[in-house]
C-alpha cells in the first residue's frame, strides 16, 4: 500500500514537473540547473572536512596504541577499550566507504552528456532533464556525505571513550600522567 502511494506520488510529481517545465522559461530552468551545478561543487569541496577528520584520527589511533597494553586484554577495562577502538575503526571504515561512493558519484554522474543535448526536443527540454538529473544526483551526494559525517562523529566519540579509560588501564603499570 505504501509502495502504491509512493508510486502515485512519483507519477504525480513527474507530471507536475513536466507542467512546471512548460510554465517556466528557459532562462529560469537554466538558472536552476546552474544552481544545482554550483551545489554539486559545494558538496565536492566539503569532502575535505571528513578526510581531515580521518587523517587526525589515524594519528590518534597510533598514539593510543603506544600505551595500550594488549597483554592485559582479559582485564575488563582493557576489553572495553579494545572493543571501543574496534567499533570506532569499524565506523570509520564505513564512513570511508561512503566517501568513496560519494566521490565516485561526483566523478561519474555526468548530466552534461552530449547525448542528452542531441536527445532533447528543445532547449527547455534539455535544461529540464539536466536540472532533474543534477537535483537527484546532488540529493544522493548530500545524503552520502551526511551519513559519512555521522559515522565519523560516532567513530570519534567511541575513540574518545576509549581514551578516557586509559588512566584506569595504566593503573599499576608505572606509567603516570600518560
Protein backbone atom coordinates (compact mmCIF):
# COMPACT_ATOMS: atom_id res chain seq x y z
CA UNK A 1 0.00 0.00 0.00
CA UNK A 2 2.87 2.38 0.88
CA UNK A 3 4.59 1.48 -2.40
CA UNK A 4 1.39 2.30 -4.29
CA UNK A 5 1.20 5.73 -2.61
CA UNK A 6 4.90 6.37 -3.34
CA UNK A 7 4.42 5.34 -6.96
CA UNK A 8 1.40 7.62 -7.34
CA UNK A 9 3.28 10.44 -5.66
CA UNK A 10 6.24 9.95 -8.03
CA UNK A 11 3.99 9.79 -11.07
CA UNK A 12 2.12 12.86 -9.90
CA UNK A 13 5.29 14.80 -9.19
CA UNK A 14 6.72 13.87 -12.58
CA UNK A 15 3.55 15.08 -14.22
CA UNK A 16 3.68 18.31 -12.21
CA UNK A 17 7.35 18.80 -13.09
CA UNK A 18 6.52 18.39 -16.77
CA UNK A 19 3.81 21.03 -16.48
CA UNK A 20 6.18 23.25 -14.49
CA UNK A 21 8.80 22.82 -17.22
CA UNK A 22 6.35 24.21 -19.74
CA UNK A 23 5.41 27.11 -17.48
CA UNK A 24 8.97 28.08 -16.55
CA UNK A 25 11.13 29.96 -19.02
CA UNK A 26 14.31 28.53 -20.45
CA UNK A 27 16.34 31.14 -18.57
CA UNK A 28 14.73 30.13 -15.27
CA UNK A 29 15.44 26.44 -15.86
CA UNK A 30 18.99 27.28 -16.90
CA UNK A 31 19.44 29.25 -13.66
CA UNK A 32 18.07 26.34 -11.61
CA UNK A 33 20.39 23.94 -13.42
CA UNK A 34 23.43 26.17 -12.86
CA UNK A 35 22.48 26.48 -9.18
CA UNK A 36 22.49 22.67 -8.92
CA UNK A 37 25.92 22.54 -10.58
CA UNK A 38 27.16 25.06 -8.03
CA UNK A 39 25.63 22.97 -5.24
CA UNK A 40 27.48 19.94 -6.60
CA UNK A 41 30.78 21.85 -6.46
CA UNK A 42 29.99 22.81 -2.87
CA UNK A 43 29.38 19.17 -1.90
CA UNK A 44 32.65 18.22 -3.58
CA UNK A 45 34.60 20.91 -1.73
CA UNK A 46 33.14 19.79 1.61
CA UNK A 47 34.82 16.38 1.22
CA UNK A 48 38.00 17.84 2.72
CA UNK A 49 36.42 18.01 6.19
CA UNK A 50 35.79 14.24 6.60
CA UNK A 51 39.18 13.46 5.05
CA UNK A 52 40.85 15.73 7.63
CA UNK A 53 38.94 14.02 10.45
CA UNK A 54 40.18 10.64 9.19
CA UNK A 55 43.78 11.88 8.98
CA UNK A 56 43.80 13.20 12.54
CA UNK A 57 42.07 10.07 13.80
CA UNK A 58 44.78 7.85 12.34
CA UNK A 59 47.38 9.85 14.26
CA UNK A 60 45.27 9.46 17.41
CA UNK A 61 44.99 5.69 16.98
CA UNK A 62 48.77 5.37 16.55
CA UNK A 63 49.40 7.40 19.72
CA UNK A 64 46.77 5.42 21.61
CA UNK A 65 48.26 2.09 20.52
CA UNK A 66 51.63 3.03 22.04
CA UNK A 67 50.13 3.00 25.53
CA UNK A 68 47.64 0.17 25.21
CA UNK A 69 48.99 -2.99 26.83
CA UNK A 70 47.23 -5.69 24.80
CA UNK A 71 48.71 -8.42 27.01
CA UNK A 72 46.21 -7.29 29.67
CA UNK A 73 43.26 -7.98 27.33
CA UNK A 74 41.47 -10.12 29.93
CA UNK A 75 41.02 -7.17 32.28
CA UNK A 76 37.56 -5.59 31.95
CA UNK A 77 38.83 -2.05 31.28
CA UNK A 78 41.21 -3.26 28.59
CA UNK A 79 38.47 -5.35 26.96
CA UNK A 80 36.16 -2.34 26.87
CA UNK A 81 38.93 -0.15 25.44
CA UNK A 82 39.72 -2.66 22.71
CA UNK A 83 36.01 -3.07 21.93
CA UNK A 84 35.54 0.70 21.70
CA UNK A 85 38.57 1.02 19.43
CA UNK A 86 37.36 -1.76 17.14
CA UNK A 87 33.88 -0.24 16.97
CA UNK A 88 35.45 3.14 16.23
CA UNK A 89 37.56 1.68 13.44
CA UNK A 90 34.52 -0.11 12.02
CA UNK A 91 32.57 3.14 11.98
CA UNK A 92 35.49 4.94 10.38
CA UNK A 93 35.83 2.32 7.62
CA UNK A 94 32.08 2.53 6.96
CA UNK A 95 32.45 6.31 6.63
CA UNK A 96 35.37 5.86 4.25
CA UNK A 97 33.27 3.51 2.10
CA UNK A 98 30.52 6.18 1.96
CA UNK A 99 33.07 8.82 1.00
CA UNK A 100 34.48 6.65 -1.79
CA UNK A 101 30.95 6.04 -3.06
CA UNK A 102 30.26 9.77 -2.91
CA UNK A 103 33.46 10.60 -4.76
CA UNK A 104 32.67 8.06 -7.48
CA UNK A 105 29.18 9.55 -7.83
CA UNK A 106 30.59 13.06 -8.18
CA UNK A 107 33.08 11.89 -10.80
CA UNK A 108 30.87 9.51 -12.77
CA UNK A 109 27.49 11.26 -12.71
CA UNK A 110 27.68 13.31 -15.84
CA UNK A 111 24.49 15.11 -16.66
CA UNK A 112 26.20 17.30 -19.29
CA UNK A 113 26.39 14.49 -21.83
CA UNK A 114 26.33 15.42 -25.48
CA UNK A 115 23.78 12.63 -25.98
CA UNK A 116 21.38 14.49 -23.69
CA UNK A 117 21.68 17.57 -25.88
CA UNK A 118 21.01 15.51 -29.01
CA UNK A 119 18.05 13.67 -27.46
CA UNK A 120 16.40 16.83 -26.18
CA UNK A 121 13.42 18.01 -28.18
CA UNK A 122 14.12 21.63 -27.29
CA UNK A 123 16.40 23.76 -25.19
CA UNK A 124 13.83 23.88 -22.39
CA UNK A 125 13.52 20.07 -22.52
CA UNK A 126 17.30 19.73 -22.20
CA UNK A 127 17.54 22.06 -19.19
CA UNK A 128 14.52 20.44 -17.57
CA UNK A 129 16.09 16.98 -17.80
CA UNK A 130 19.55 18.23 -16.84
CA UNK A 131 18.11 20.02 -13.80
CA UNK A 132 16.17 16.91 -12.71
CA UNK A 133 19.27 14.70 -13.04
CA UNK A 134 21.50 17.22 -11.26
CA UNK A 135 18.99 17.63 -8.43
CA UNK A 136 18.64 13.85 -7.91
CA UNK A 137 22.41 13.37 -8.01
CA UNK A 138 23.00 16.20 -5.52
CA UNK A 139 20.38 14.90 -3.10
CA UNK A 140 22.06 11.47 -3.12
CA UNK A 141 25.52 13.03 -2.76
CA UNK A 142 24.48 15.16 0.20
CA UNK A 143 22.84 12.14 1.86
CA UNK A 144 26.06 10.10 1.49
CA UNK A 145 28.18 12.98 2.80
CA UNK A 146 25.86 13.42 5.77
CA UNK A 147 25.89 9.70 6.62
CA UNK A 148 29.68 9.60 6.34
CA UNK A 149 29.93 12.59 8.66
CA UNK A 150 27.63 10.95 11.24
CA UNK A 151 29.71 7.76 11.07
CA UNK A 152 32.89 9.78 11.62
CA UNK A 153 31.40 11.57 14.63
CA UNK A 154 30.39 8.17 16.03
CA UNK A 155 33.95 6.91 15.45
CA UNK A 156 35.39 9.92 17.28
CA UNK A 157 33.01 9.53 20.25
CA UNK A 158 33.86 5.83 20.58
CA UNK A 159 37.56 6.59 20.37
CA UNK A 160 37.29 9.35 22.98
CA UNK A 161 35.55 6.96 25.36
CA UNK A 162 38.44 4.53 24.91
CA UNK A 163 40.95 7.33 25.56
CA UNK A 164 39.10 8.38 28.72
CA UNK A 165 39.56 4.84 30.04
CA UNK A 166 43.35 4.97 29.52
CA UNK A 167 44.14 6.20 33.07
CA UNK A 168 42.29 3.20 34.50
CA UNK A 169 44.19 0.92 32.14
CA UNK A 170 47.55 2.40 33.19
CA UNK A 171 46.96 1.96 36.96
CA UNK A 172 49.75 -0.16 38.39
CA UNK A 173 51.92 -0.02 35.26
CA UNK A 174 54.29 2.68 36.47
CA UNK A 175 53.29 4.94 33.60
CA UNK A 176 52.00 8.11 35.25
CA UNK A 177 50.44 11.05 33.50
CA UNK A 178 50.27 9.27 30.15
